[in-house]
Amino acid sequence: MNSVQVELSGELENKNPTFPINLVKHYTSGDKKLFPLRNETPLEVPRLDKSEEKKVLKVSKERKYRGKNEREYLVRYRNPQHEDEWLSESKIPDSQKFVRSFRQKTNFSIICLNCVI
């Protein structure tokens, strides 16, 4: 299936940003001869704030940092031009949300063979 991923903001930020390609339409400006009363407002290009340049998408892996008890997390960003990087929890914006989500996903893959139910 061909799909497109869009960046959602506001109330829609927590929704799935992936849509089937057949729901996306190419934008064409209106024809003034066909629609003389239609006023076209110029589109505003949103500015990228420094804080939005590297927006965290998810935490994908965890490792111990230099054999100590401190852990680092492999962070994936929404913007494709930024590469994944290892960061300590204190350097990840809104880290509790992403680390909790990562741990919930990884806990389901652990099988306990000696557990008493």
PDB file of N, CA and C in Angstrom:
ATOM      1  N   MET A   1       0.847  -1.177   0.000  1.00  0.00           N
ATOM      2  CA  MET A   1       0.000   0.000   0.000  1.00  0.00           C
ATOM      3  C   MET A   1       0.891   1.238   0.000  1.00  0.00           C
ATOM      4  N   ASN A   2       0.610   2.174  -0.870  1.00  0.00           N
ATOM      5  CA  ASN A   2       1.322   3.438  -0.889  1.00  0.00           C
ATOM      6  C   ASN A   2       0.705   4.356   0.143  1.00  0.00           C
ATOM      7  N   SER A   3       1.563   5.020   0.903  1.00  0.00           N
ATOM      8  CA  SER A   3       1.057   5.906   1.945  1.00  0.00           C
ATOM      9  C   SER A   3       1.901   7.164   2.005  1.00  0.00           C
ATOM     10  N   VAL A   4       1.359   8.159   2.672  1.00  0.00           N
ATOM     11  CA  VAL A   4       2.051   9.422   2.873  1.00  0.00           C
ATOM     12  C   VAL A   4       1.962   9.754   4.357  1.00  0.00           C
ATOM     13  N   GLN A   5       3.041  10.346   4.892  1.00  0.00           N
ATOM     14  CA  GLN A   5       3.047  10.710   6.302  1.00  0.00           C
ATOM     15  C   GLN A   5       3.066  12.227   6.402  1.00  0.00           C
ATOM     16  N   VAL A   6       2.118  12.773   7.158  1.00  0.00           N
ATOM     17  CA  VAL A   6       2.006  14.218   7.326  1.00  0.00           C
ATOM     18  C   VAL A   6       2.307  14.586   8.770  1.00  0.00           C
ATOM     19  N   GLU A   7       2.677  15.830   8.979  1.00  0.00           N
ATOM     20  CA  GLU A   7       2.934  16.290  10.341  1.00  0.00           C
ATOM     21  C   GLU A   7       1.673  16.973  10.851  1.00  0.00           C
ATOM     22  N   LEU A   8       1.099  16.416  11.897  1.00  0.00           N
ATOM     23  CA  LEU A   8      -0.130  16.946  12.476  1.00  0.00           C
ATOM     24  C   LEU A   8       0.206  17.810  13.682  1.00  0.00           C
ATOM     25  N   SER A   9      -0.618  18.816  13.937  1.00  0.00           N
ATOM     26  CA  SER A   9      -0.370  19.685  15.086  1.00  0.00           C
ATOM     27  C   SER A   9      -1.674  19.919  15.837  1.00  0.00           C
ATOM     28  N   GLY A  10      -1.549  20.509  16.998  1.00  0.00           N
ATOM     29  CA  GLY A  10      -2.725  20.834  17.802  1.00  0.00           C
ATOM     30  C   GLY A  10      -3.413  19.596  18.328  1.00  0.00           C
ATOM     31  N   GLU A  11      -4.730  19.551  18.201  1.00  0.00           N
ATOM     32  CA  GLU A  11      -5.521  18.428  18.708  1.00  0.00           C
ATOM     33  C   GLU A  11      -5.197  17.120  17.995  1.00  0.00           C
ATOM     34  N   LEU A  12      -4.742  17.209  16.764  1.00  0.00           N
ATOM     35  CA  LEU A  12      -4.501  16.013  15.957  1.00  0.00           C
ATOM     36  C   LEU A  12      -3.106  15.423  16.148  1.00  0.00           C
ATOM     37  N   GLU A  13      -2.291  16.025  16.999  1.00  0.00           N
ATOM     38  CA  GLU A  13      -0.898  15.609  17.151  1.00  0.00           C
ATOM     39  C   GLU A  13      -0.758  14.156  17.607  1.00  0.00           C
ATOM     40  N   ASN A  14      -1.696  13.652  18.396  1.00  0.00           N
ATOM     41  CA  ASN A  14      -1.609  12.283  18.906  1.00  0.00           C
ATOM     42  C   ASN A  14      -2.241  11.260  17.968  1.00  0.00           C
ATOM     43  N   LYS A  15      -2.774  11.697  16.843  1.00  0.00           N
ATOM     44  CA  LYS A  15      -3.397  10.789  15.874  1.00  0.00           C
ATOM     45  C   LYS A  15      -2.334  10.184  14.961  1.00  0.00           C
ATOM     46  N   ASN A  16      -2.704   9.112  14.282  1.00  0.00           N
ATOM     47  CA  ASN A  16      -1.795   8.461  13.347  1.00  0.00           C
ATOM     48  C   ASN A  16      -1.568   9.372  12.138  1.00  0.00           C
ATOM     49  N   PRO A  17      -0.306   9.738  11.837  1.00  0.00           N
ATOM     50  CA  PRO A  17      -0.045  10.677  10.749  1.00  0.00           C
ATOM     51  C   PRO A  17       0.082  10.023   9.370  1.00  0.00           C
ATOM     52  N   THR A  18      -0.206   8.726   9.246  1.00  0.00           N
ATOM     53  CA  THR A  18      -0.048   8.029   7.973  1.00  0.00           C
ATOM     54  C   THR A  18      -1.403   7.856   7.292  1.00  0.00           C
ATOM     55  N   PHE A  19      -1.473   8.251   6.014  1.00  0.00           N
ATOM     56  CA  PHE A  19      -2.713   8.182   5.249  1.00  0.00           C
ATOM     57  C   PHE A  19      -2.467   7.457   3.932  1.00  0.00           C
ATOM     58  N   PRO A  20      -3.495   6.769   3.405  1.00  0.00           N
ATOM     59  CA  PRO A  20      -3.365   6.178   2.068  1.00  0.00           C
ATOM     60  C   PRO A  20      -3.191   7.287   1.030  1.00  0.00           C
ATOM     61  N   ILE A  21      -2.387   7.028   0.038  1.00  0.00           N
ATOM     62  CA  ILE A  21      -2.066   8.036  -0.968  1.00  0.00           C
ATOM     63  C   ILE A  21      -3.301   8.484  -1.751  1.00  0.00           C
ATOM     64  N   ASN A  22      -4.317   7.618  -1.853  1.00  0.00           N
ATOM     65  CA  ASN A  22      -5.506   7.995  -2.619  1.00  0.00           C
ATOM     66  C   ASN A  22      -6.359   9.059  -1.913  1.00  0.00           C
ATOM     67  N   LEU A  23      -6.099   9.343  -0.641  1.00  0.00           N
ATOM     68  CA  LEU A  23      -6.820  10.406   0.064  1.00  0.00           C
ATOM     69  C   LEU A  23      -6.167  11.774  -0.113  1.00  0.00           C
ATOM     70  N   VAL A  24      -4.961  11.794  -0.658  1.00  0.00           N
ATOM     71  CA  VAL A  24      -4.214  13.041  -0.820  1.00  0.00           C
ATOM     72  C   VAL A  24      -4.414  13.548  -2.246  1.00  0.00           C
ATOM     73  N   LYS A  25      -4.730  14.829  -2.371  1.00  0.00           N
ATOM     74  CA  LYS A  25      -4.942  15.417  -3.694  1.00  0.00           C
ATOM     75  C   LYS A  25      -3.905  16.493  -3.954  1.00  0.00           C
ATOM     76  N   HIS A  26      -3.507  16.620  -5.191  1.00  0.00           N
ATOM     77  CA  HIS A  26      -2.546  17.637  -5.596  1.00  0.00           C
ATOM     78  C   HIS A  26      -3.224  19.009  -5.542  1.00  0.00           C
ATOM     79  N   TYR A  27      -2.545  20.002  -5.021  1.00  0.00           N
ATOM     80  CA  TYR A  27      -3.092  21.350  -4.907  1.00  0.00           C
ATOM     81  C   TYR A  27      -2.912  22.093  -6.226  1.00  0.00           C
ATOM     82  N   THR A  28      -3.986  22.706  -6.704  1.00  0.00           N
ATOM     83  CA  THR A  28      -3.911  23.599  -7.860  1.00  0.00           C
ATOM     84  C   THR A  28      -4.621  24.892  -7.488  1.00  0.00           C
ATOM     85  N   SER A  29      -4.059  25.996  -7.909  1.00  0.00           N
ATOM     86  CA  SER A  29      -4.681  27.282  -7.578  1.00  0.00           C
ATOM     87  C   SER A  29      -5.932  27.470  -8.434  1.00  0.00           C
ATOM     88  N   GLY A  30      -6.873  28.255  -7.931  1.00  0.00           N
ATOM     89  CA  GLY A  30      -8.137  28.487  -8.634  1.00  0.00           C
ATOM     90  C   GLY A  30      -7.947  29.323  -9.889  1.00  0.00           C
ATOM     91  N   ASP A  31      -8.803  29.104 -10.860  1.00  0.00           N
ATOM     92  CA  ASP A  31      -8.773  29.849 -12.115  1.00  0.00           C
ATOM     93  C   ASP A  31      -9.628  31.109 -11.960  1.00  0.00           C
ATOM     94  N   LYS A  32      -9.027  32.286 -12.117  1.00  0.00           N
ATOM     95  CA  LYS A  32      -9.746  33.553 -11.919  1.00  0.00           C
ATOM     96  C   LYS A  32     -10.816  33.774 -12.986  1.00  0.00           C
ATOM     97  N   LYS A  33     -10.652  33.180 -14.169  1.00  0.00           N
ATOM     98  CA  LYS A  33     -11.666  33.338 -15.217  1.00  0.00           C
ATOM     99  C   LYS A  33     -12.922  32.535 -14.879  1.00  0.00           C
ATOM    100  N   LEU A  34     -12.727  31.346 -14.316  1.00  0.00           N
ATOM    101  CA  LEU A  34     -13.874  30.512 -13.951  1.00  0.00           C
ATOM    102  C   LEU A  34     -14.547  30.985 -12.668  1.00  0.00           C
ATOM    103  N   PHE A  35     -13.747  31.492 -11.726  1.00  0.00           N
ATOM    104  CA  PHE A  35     -14.262  31.906 -10.417  1.00  0.00           C
ATOM    105  C   PHE A  35     -13.813  33.340 -10.117  1.00  0.00           C
ATOM    106  N   PRO A  36     -14.442  34.350 -10.756  1.00  0.00           N
ATOM    107  CA  PRO A  36     -13.973  35.736 -10.588  1.00  0.00           C
ATOM    108  C   PRO A  36     -14.212  36.306  -9.189  1.00  0.00           C
ATOM    109  N   LEU A  37     -15.192  35.781  -8.450  1.00  0.00           N
ATOM    110  CA  LEU A  37     -15.497  36.320  -7.124  1.00  0.00           C
ATOM    111  C   LEU A  37     -14.700  35.651  -6.009  1.00  0.00           C
ATOM    112  N   ARG A  38     -13.993  34.613  -6.339  1.00  0.00           N
ATOM    113  CA  ARG A  38     -13.227  33.892  -5.321  1.00  0.00           C
ATOM    114  C   ARG A  38     -11.943  34.655  -5.001  1.00  0.00           C
ATOM    115  N   ASN A  39     -11.734  34.926  -3.723  1.00  0.00           N
ATOM    116  CA  ASN A  39     -10.508  35.592  -3.279  1.00  0.00           C
ATOM    117  C   ASN A  39      -9.526  34.554  -2.770  1.00  0.00           C
ATOM    118  N   GLU A  40      -8.355  34.572  -3.334  1.00  0.00           N
ATOM    119  CA  GLU A  40      -7.323  33.649  -2.859  1.00  0.00           C
ATOM    120  C   GLU A  40      -6.492  34.341  -1.797  1.00  0.00           C
ATOM    121  N   THR A  41      -6.439  33.740  -0.639  1.00  0.00           N
ATOM    122  CA  THR A  41      -5.581  34.270   0.411  1.00  0.00           C
ATOM    123  C   THR A  41      -4.221  33.604   0.287  1.00  0.00           C
ATOM    124  N   PRO A  42      -3.167  34.362   0.410  1.00  0.00           N
ATOM    125  CA  PRO A  42      -1.836  33.756   0.288  1.00  0.00           C
ATOM    126  C   PRO A  42      -1.584  32.766   1.424  1.00  0.00           C
ATOM    127  N   LEU A  43      -0.969  31.658   1.089  1.00  0.00           N
ATOM    128  CA  LEU A  43      -0.658  30.645   2.094  1.00  0.00           C
ATOM    129  C   LEU A  43       0.495  31.109   2.961  1.00  0.00           C
ATOM    130  N   GLU A  44       0.364  30.856   4.240  1.00  0.00           N
ATOM    131  CA  GLU A  44       1.422  31.200   5.180  1.00  0.00           C
ATOM    132  C   GLU A  44       2.337  30.011   5.367  1.00  0.00           C
ATOM    133  N   VAL A  45       3.605  30.223   5.188  1.00  0.00           N
ATOM    134  CA  VAL A  45       4.572  29.155   5.419  1.00  0.00           C
ATOM    135  C   VAL A  45       4.959  29.201   6.890  1.00  0.00           C
ATOM    136  N   PRO A  46       4.702  28.115   7.627  1.00  0.00           N
ATOM    137  CA  PRO A  46       5.023  28.133   9.056  1.00  0.00           C
ATOM    138  C   PRO A  46       6.529  28.180   9.278  1.00  0.00           C
ATOM    139  N   ARG A  47       6.924  28.956  10.249  1.00  0.00           N
ATOM    140  CA  ARG A  47       8.340  29.041  10.612  1.00  0.00           C
ATOM    141  C   ARG A  47       8.701  27.889  11.519  1.00  0.00           C
ATOM    142  N   LEU A  48       9.884  27.392  11.325  1.00  0.00           N
ATOM    143  CA  LEU A  48      10.369  26.340  12.202  1.00  0.00           C
ATOM    144  C   LEU A  48      11.102  26.971  13.372  1.00  0.00           C
ATOM    145  N   ASP A  49      10.588  26.731  14.559  1.00  0.00           N
ATOM    146  CA  ASP A  49      11.288  27.189  15.748  1.00  0.00           C
ATOM    147  C   ASP A  49      12.465  26.270  15.998  1.00  0.00           C
ATOM    148  N   LYS A  50      13.422  26.755  16.748  1.00  0.00           N
ATOM    149  CA  LYS A  50      14.584  25.923  17.083  1.00  0.00           C
ATOM    150  C   LYS A  50      14.155  24.659  17.813  1.00  0.00           C
ATOM    151  N   SER A  51      13.118  24.761  18.659  1.00  0.00           N
ATOM    152  CA  SER A  51      12.667  23.605  19.427  1.00  0.00           C
ATOM    153  C   SER A  51      11.982  22.564  18.545  1.00  0.00           C
ATOM    154  N   GLU A  52      11.424  22.981  17.401  1.00  0.00           N
ATOM    155  CA  GLU A  52      10.709  22.050  16.534  1.00  0.00           C
ATOM    156  C   GLU A  52      11.606  21.410  15.489  1.00  0.00           C
ATOM    157  N   GLU A  53      12.822  21.878  15.344  1.00  0.00           N
ATOM    158  CA  GLU A  53      13.703  21.320  14.332  1.00  0.00           C
ATOM    159  C   GLU A  53      13.959  19.841  14.575  1.00  0.00           C
ATOM    160  N   LYS A  54      14.122  19.463  15.819  1.00  0.00           N
ATOM    161  CA  LYS A  54      14.369  18.070  16.170  1.00  0.00           C
ATOM    162  C   LYS A  54      13.241  17.603  17.075  1.00  0.00           C
ATOM    163  N   LYS A  55      12.136  17.176  16.486  1.00  0.00           N
ATOM    164  CA  LYS A  55      10.991  16.725  17.254  1.00  0.00           C
ATOM    165  C   LYS A  55      11.063  15.207  17.387  1.00  0.00           C
ATOM    166  N   VAL A  56      11.041  14.727  18.612  1.00  0.00           N
ATOM    167  CA  VAL A  56      11.195  13.299  18.884  1.00  0.00           C
ATOM    168  C   VAL A  56       9.962  12.541  18.414  1.00  0.00           C
ATOM    169  N   LEU A  57      10.192  11.446  17.686  1.00  0.00           N
ATOM    170  CA  LEU A  57       9.109  10.578  17.239  1.00  0.00           C
ATOM    171  C   LEU A  57       8.942   9.417  18.197  1.00  0.00           C
ATOM    172  N   LYS A  58      10.056   8.759  18.543  1.00  0.00           N
ATOM    173  CA  LYS A  58       9.982   7.626  19.463  1.00  0.00           C
ATOM    174  C   LYS A  58      11.365   7.256  19.966  1.00  0.00           C
ATOM    175  N   VAL A  59      11.382   6.441  21.023  1.00  0.00           N
ATOM    176  CA  VAL A  59      12.600   5.818  21.534  1.00  0.00           C
ATOM    177  C   VAL A  59      12.567   4.383  21.037  1.00  0.00           C
ATOM    178  N   SER A  60      13.652   3.937  20.385  1.00  0.00           N
ATOM    179  CA  SER A  60      13.610   2.608  19.775  1.00  0.00           C
ATOM    180  C   SER A  60      14.512   1.571  20.444  1.00  0.00           C
ATOM    181  N   LYS A  61      15.548   1.998  21.180  1.00  0.00           N
ATOM    182  CA  LYS A  61      16.433   1.040  21.856  1.00  0.00           C
ATOM    183  C   LYS A  61      16.944   1.641  23.156  1.00  0.00           C
ATOM    184  N   GLU A  62      17.506   0.763  23.994  1.00  0.00           N
ATOM    185  CA  GLU A  62      18.044   1.184  25.291  1.00  0.00           C
ATOM    186  C   GLU A  62      19.382   0.485  25.491  1.00  0.00           C
ATOM    187  N   ARG A  63      20.351   1.181  26.111  1.00  0.00           N
ATOM    188  CA  ARG A  63      21.640   0.558  26.420  1.00  0.00           C
ATOM    189  C   ARG A  63      22.206   1.157  27.698  1.00  0.00           C
ATOM    190  N   LYS A  64      23.109   0.389  28.332  1.00  0.00           N
ATOM    191  CA  LYS A  64      23.800   0.914  29.511  1.00  0.00           C
ATOM    192  C   LYS A  64      24.947   1.783  29.031  1.00  0.00           C
ATOM    193  N   TYR A  65      25.137   2.882  29.717  1.00  0.00           N
ATOM    194  CA  TYR A  65      26.145   3.851  29.324  1.00  0.00           C
ATOM    195  C   TYR A  65      27.455   3.565  30.044  1.00  0.00           C
ATOM    196  N   ARG A  66      28.461   3.157  29.297  1.00  0.00           N
ATOM    197  CA  ARG A  66      29.812   2.897  29.818  1.00  0.00           C
ATOM    198  C   ARG A  66      29.814   1.942  31.004  1.00  0.00           C
ATOM    199  N   GLY A  67      28.948   0.941  30.972  1.00  0.00           N
ATOM    200  CA  GLY A  67      28.928  -0.073  32.021  1.00  0.00           C
ATOM    201  C   GLY A  67      28.360   0.399  33.345  1.00  0.00           C
ATOM    202  N   LYS A  68      27.929   1.634  33.411  1.00  0.00           N
ATOM    203  CA  LYS A  68      27.365   2.160  34.657  1.00  0.00           C
ATOM    204  C   LYS A  68      25.874   1.880  34.690  1.00  0.00           C
ATOM    205  N   ASN A  69      25.232   2.344  35.725  1.00  0.00           N
ATOM    206  CA  ASN A  69      23.799   2.147  35.875  1.00  0.00           C
ATOM    207  C   ASN A  69      22.998   3.128  35.022  1.00  0.00           C
ATOM    208  N   GLU A  70      23.660   4.161  34.522  1.00  0.00           N
ATOM    209  CA  GLU A  70      22.969   5.149  33.699  1.00  0.00           C
ATOM    210  C   GLU A  70      22.666   4.557  32.324  1.00  0.00           C
ATOM    211  N   ARG A  71      21.503   4.880  31.799  1.00  0.00           N
ATOM    212  CA  ARG A  71      21.085   4.318  30.514  1.00  0.00           C
ATOM    213  C   ARG A  71      20.967   5.415  29.457  1.00  0.00           C
ATOM    214  N   GLU A  72      21.169   4.999  28.212  1.00  0.00           N
ATOM    215  CA  GLU A  72      20.959   5.880  27.068  1.00  0.00           C
ATOM    216  C   GLU A  72      19.885   5.261  26.185  1.00  0.00           C
ATOM    217  N   TYR A  73      19.194   6.115  25.440  1.00  0.00           N
ATOM    218  CA  TYR A  73      18.105   5.668  24.585  1.00  0.00           C
ATOM    219  C   TYR A  73      18.354   6.140  23.157  1.00  0.00           C
ATOM    220  N   LEU A  74      18.075   5.262  22.203  1.00  0.00           N
ATOM    221  CA  LEU A  74      18.197   5.618  20.794  1.00  0.00           C
ATOM    222  C   LEU A  74      16.924   6.357  20.396  1.00  0.00           C
ATOM    223  N   VAL A  75      17.078   7.631  20.055  1.00  0.00           N
ATOM    224  CA  VAL A  75      15.944   8.506  19.775  1.00  0.00           C
ATOM    225  C   VAL A  75      15.797   8.680  18.267  1.00  0.00           C
ATOM    226  N   ARG A  76      14.575   8.498  17.774  1.00  0.00           N
ATOM    227  CA  ARG A  76      14.266   8.737  16.359  1.00  0.00           C
ATOM    228  C   ARG A  76      13.457  10.023  16.277  1.00  0.00           C
ATOM    229  N   TYR A  77      13.815  10.868  15.306  1.00  0.00           N
ATOM    230  CA  TYR A  77      13.146  12.154  15.128  1.00  0.00           C
ATOM    231  C   TYR A  77      12.126  12.102  13.999  1.00  0.00           C
ATOM    232  N   ARG A  78      11.141  13.007  14.057  1.00  0.00           N
ATOM    233  CA  ARG A  78      10.123  13.095  13.003  1.00  0.00           C
ATOM    234  C   ARG A  78      10.728  13.600  11.706  1.00  0.00           C
ATOM    235  N   ASN A  79      11.569  14.579  11.797  1.00  0.00           N
ATOM    236  CA  ASN A  79      12.148  15.179  10.609  1.00  0.00           C
ATOM    237  C   ASN A  79      13.198  14.236  10.036  1.00  0.00           C
ATOM    238  N   PRO A  80      13.047  13.789   8.791  1.00  0.00           N
ATOM    239  CA  PRO A  80      13.953  12.774   8.255  1.00  0.00           C
ATOM    240  C   PRO A  80      15.393  13.232   8.070  1.00  0.00           C
ATOM    241  N   GLN A  81      15.662  14.537   8.085  1.00  0.00           N
ATOM    242  CA  GLN A  81      17.035  14.959   7.875  1.00  0.00           C
ATOM    243  C   GLN A  81      17.906  14.786   9.125  1.00  0.00           C
ATOM    244  N   HIS A  82      17.291  14.536  10.255  1.00  0.00           N
ATOM    245  CA  HIS A  82      18.060  14.287  11.470  1.00  0.00           C
ATOM    246  C   HIS A  82      18.231  12.788  11.653  1.00  0.00           C
ATOM    247  N   GLU A  83      19.406  12.378  12.014  1.00  0.00           N
ATOM    248  CA  GLU A  83      19.658  10.964  12.221  1.00  0.00           C
ATOM    249  C   GLU A  83      19.334  10.571  13.656  1.00  0.00           C
ATOM    250  N   ASP A  84      19.103   9.277  13.851  1.00  0.00           N
ATOM    251  CA  ASP A  84      18.880   8.758  15.197  1.00  0.00           C
ATOM    252  C   ASP A  84      20.133   9.001  16.027  1.00  0.00           C
ATOM    253  N   GLU A  85      19.949   9.225  17.331  1.00  0.00           N
ATOM    254  CA  GLU A  85      21.115   9.415  18.192  1.00  0.00           C
ATOM    255  C   GLU A  85      20.837   8.890  19.589  1.00  0.00           C
ATOM    256  N   TRP A  86      21.918   8.508  20.277  1.00  0.00           N
ATOM    257  CA  TRP A  86      21.832   8.000  21.644  1.00  0.00           C
ATOM    258  C   TRP A  86      21.874   9.184  22.598  1.00  0.00           C
ATOM    259  N   LEU A  87      20.863   9.272  23.479  1.00  0.00           N
ATOM    260  CA  LEU A  87      20.787  10.356  24.457  1.00  0.00           C
ATOM    261  C   LEU A  87      20.431   9.797  25.823  1.00  0.00           C
ATOM    262  N   SER A  88      20.918  10.476  26.870  1.00  0.00           N
ATOM    263  CA  SER A  88      20.487  10.109  28.217  1.00  0.00           C
ATOM    264  C   SER A  88      19.065  10.634  28.411  1.00  0.00           C
ATOM    265  N   GLU A  89      18.371  10.082  29.374  1.00  0.00           N
ATOM    266  CA  GLU A  89      16.970  10.447  29.600  1.00  0.00           C
ATOM    267  C   GLU A  89      16.813  11.936  29.889  1.00  0.00           C
ATOM    268  N   SER A  90      17.801  12.528  30.545  1.00  0.00           N
ATOM    269  CA  SER A  90      17.709  13.950  30.891  1.00  0.00           C
ATOM    270  C   SER A  90      17.792  14.863  29.663  1.00  0.00           C
ATOM    271  N   LYS A  91      18.335  14.368  28.551  1.00  0.00           N
ATOM    272  CA  LYS A  91      18.484  15.189  27.347  1.00  0.00           C
ATOM    273  C   LYS A  91      17.348  15.001  26.342  1.00  0.00           C
ATOM    274  N   ILE A  92      16.401  14.110  26.639  1.00  0.00           N
ATOM    275  CA  ILE A  92      15.274  13.876  25.735  1.00  0.00           C
ATOM    276  C   ILE A  92      14.109  14.753  26.183  1.00  0.00           C
ATOM    277  N   PRO A  93      13.599  15.631  25.311  1.00  0.00           N
ATOM    278  CA  PRO A  93      12.441  16.432  25.698  1.00  0.00           C
ATOM    279  C   PRO A  93      11.217  15.542  25.904  1.00  0.00           C
ATOM    280  N   ASP A  94      10.498  15.765  26.994  1.00  0.00           N
ATOM    281  CA  ASP A  94       9.307  14.972  27.344  1.00  0.00           C
ATOM    282  C   ASP A  94       9.661  13.485  27.422  1.00  0.00           C
ATOM    283  N   SER A  95      10.786  13.210  28.078  1.00  0.00           N
ATOM    284  CA  SER A  95      11.355  11.858  28.089  1.00  0.00           C
ATOM    285  C   SER A  95      10.458  10.821  28.752  1.00  0.00           C
ATOM    286  N   GLN A  96       9.735  11.191  29.800  1.00  0.00           N
ATOM    287  CA  GLN A  96       8.912  10.206  30.511  1.00  0.00           C
ATOM    288  C   GLN A  96       7.906   9.545  29.581  1.00  0.00           C
ATOM    289  N   LYS A  97       7.285  10.322  28.721  1.00  0.00           N
ATOM    290  CA  LYS A  97       6.284   9.798  27.792  1.00  0.00           C
ATOM    291  C   LYS A  97       6.912   8.792  26.826  1.00  0.00           C
ATOM    292  N   PHE A  98       8.061   9.141  26.246  1.00  0.00           N
ATOM    293  CA  PHE A  98       8.693   8.284  25.241  1.00  0.00           C
ATOM    294  C   PHE A  98       9.325   7.042  25.861  1.00  0.00           C
ATOM    295  N   VAL A  99       9.962   7.185  27.018  1.00  0.00           N
ATOM    296  CA  VAL A  99      10.591   6.042  27.682  1.00  0.00           C
ATOM    297  C   VAL A  99       9.514   5.073  28.173  1.00  0.00           C
ATOM    298  N   ARG A 100       8.426   5.594  28.734  1.00  0.00           N
ATOM    299  CA  ARG A 100       7.332   4.735  29.195  1.00  0.00           C
ATOM    300  C   ARG A 100       6.738   3.943  28.027  1.00  0.00           C
ATOM    301  N   SER A 101       6.518   4.607  26.918  1.00  0.00           N
ATOM    302  CA  SER A 101       5.972   3.941  25.730  1.00  0.00           C
ATOM    303  C   SER A 101       6.923   2.855  25.231  1.00  0.00           C
ATOM    304  N   PHE A 102       8.222   3.140  25.217  1.00  0.00           N
ATOM    305  CA  PHE A 102       9.223   2.160  24.789  1.00  0.00           C
ATOM    306  C   PHE A 102       9.221   0.944  25.706  1.00  0.00           C
ATOM    307  N   ARG A 103       9.188   1.182  27.013  1.00  0.00           N
ATOM    308  CA  ARG A 103       9.227   0.063  27.968  1.00  0.00           C
ATOM    309  C   ARG A 103       7.964  -0.786  27.891  1.00  0.00           C
ATOM    310  N   GLN A 104       6.827  -0.175  27.653  1.00  0.00           N
ATOM    311  CA  GLN A 104       5.588  -0.949  27.503  1.00  0.00           C
ATOM    312  C   GLN A 104       5.668  -1.862  26.288  1.00  0.00           C
ATOM    313  N   LYS A 105       6.231  -1.370  25.201  1.00  0.00           N
ATOM    314  CA  LYS A 105       6.352  -2.180  23.989  1.00  0.00           C
ATOM    315  C   LYS A 105       7.349  -3.317  24.174  1.00  0.00           C
ATOM    316  N   THR A 106       8.459  -3.057  24.866  1.00  0.00           N
ATOM    317  CA  THR A 106       9.480  -4.093  25.024  1.00  0.00           C
ATOM    318  C   THR A 106       9.092  -5.116  26.078  1.00  0.00           C
ATOM    319  N   ASN A 107       8.292  -4.752  27.069  1.00  0.00           N
ATOM    320  CA  ASN A 107       7.883  -5.709  28.101  1.00  0.00           C
ATOM    321  C   ASN A 107       7.008  -6.812  27.542  1.00  0.00           C
ATOM    322  N   PHE A 108       6.263  -6.540  26.490  1.00  0.00           N
ATOM    323  CA  PHE A 108       5.405  -7.558  25.899  1.00  0.00           C
ATOM    324  C   PHE A 108       6.213  -8.643  25.209  1.00  0.00           C
ATOM    325  N   SER A 109       7.446  -8.352  24.849  1.00  0.00           N
ATOM    326  CA  SER A 109       8.249  -9.345  24.137  1.00  0.00           C
ATOM    327  C   SER A 109       9.038 -10.243  25.086  1.00  0.00           C
ATOM    328  N   ILE A 110       9.009  -9.978  26.389  1.00  0.00           N
ATOM    329  CA  ILE A 110       9.745 -10.785  27.359  1.00  0.00           C
ATOM    330  C   ILE A 110       8.876 -11.965  27.781  1.00  0.00           C
ATOM    331  N   ILE A 111       9.424 -13.164  27.692  1.00  0.00           N
ATOM    332  CA  ILE A 111       8.689 -14.370  28.076  1.00  0.00           C
ATOM    333  C   ILE A 111       9.318 -14.918  29.346  1.00  0.00           C
ATOM    334  N   CYS A 112       8.508 -15.170  30.341  1.00  0.00           N
ATOM    335  CA  CYS A 112       8.991 -15.711  31.608  1.00  0.00           C
ATOM    336  C   CYS A 112       8.698 -17.210  31.640  1.00  0.00           C
ATOM    337  N   LEU A 113       9.761 -18.027  31.603  1.00  0.00           N
ATOM    338  CA  LEU A 113       9.581 -19.477  31.584  1.00  0.00           C
ATOM    339  C   LEU A 113       9.418 -20.061  32.982  1.00  0.00           C
ATOM    340  N   ASN A 114       9.942 -19.384  34.002  1.00  0.00           N
ATOM    341  CA  ASN A 114       9.906 -19.908  35.364  1.00  0.00           C
ATOM    342  C   ASN A 114       8.864 -19.216  36.232  1.00  0.00           C
ATOM    343  N   CYS A 115       7.947 -18.504  35.627  1.00  0.00           N
ATOM    344  CA  CYS A 115       6.938 -17.774  36.399  1.00  0.00           C
ATOM    345  C   CYS A 115       5.870 -18.726  36.919  1.00  0.00           C
ATOM    346  N   VAL A 116       5.424 -18.456  38.141  1.00  0.00           N
ATOM    347  CA  VAL A 116       4.325 -19.221  38.727  1.00  0.00           C
ATOM    348  C   VAL A 116       3.076 -18.367  38.619  1.00  0.00           C
ATOM    349  N   ILE A 117       2.059 -18.909  37.996  1.00  0.00           N
ATOM    350  CA  ILE A 117       0.823 -18.138  37.799  1.00  0.00           C
ATOM    351  C   ILE A 117      -0.228 -18.604  38.765  1.00  0.00           C
TER     352      ILE A 117
END
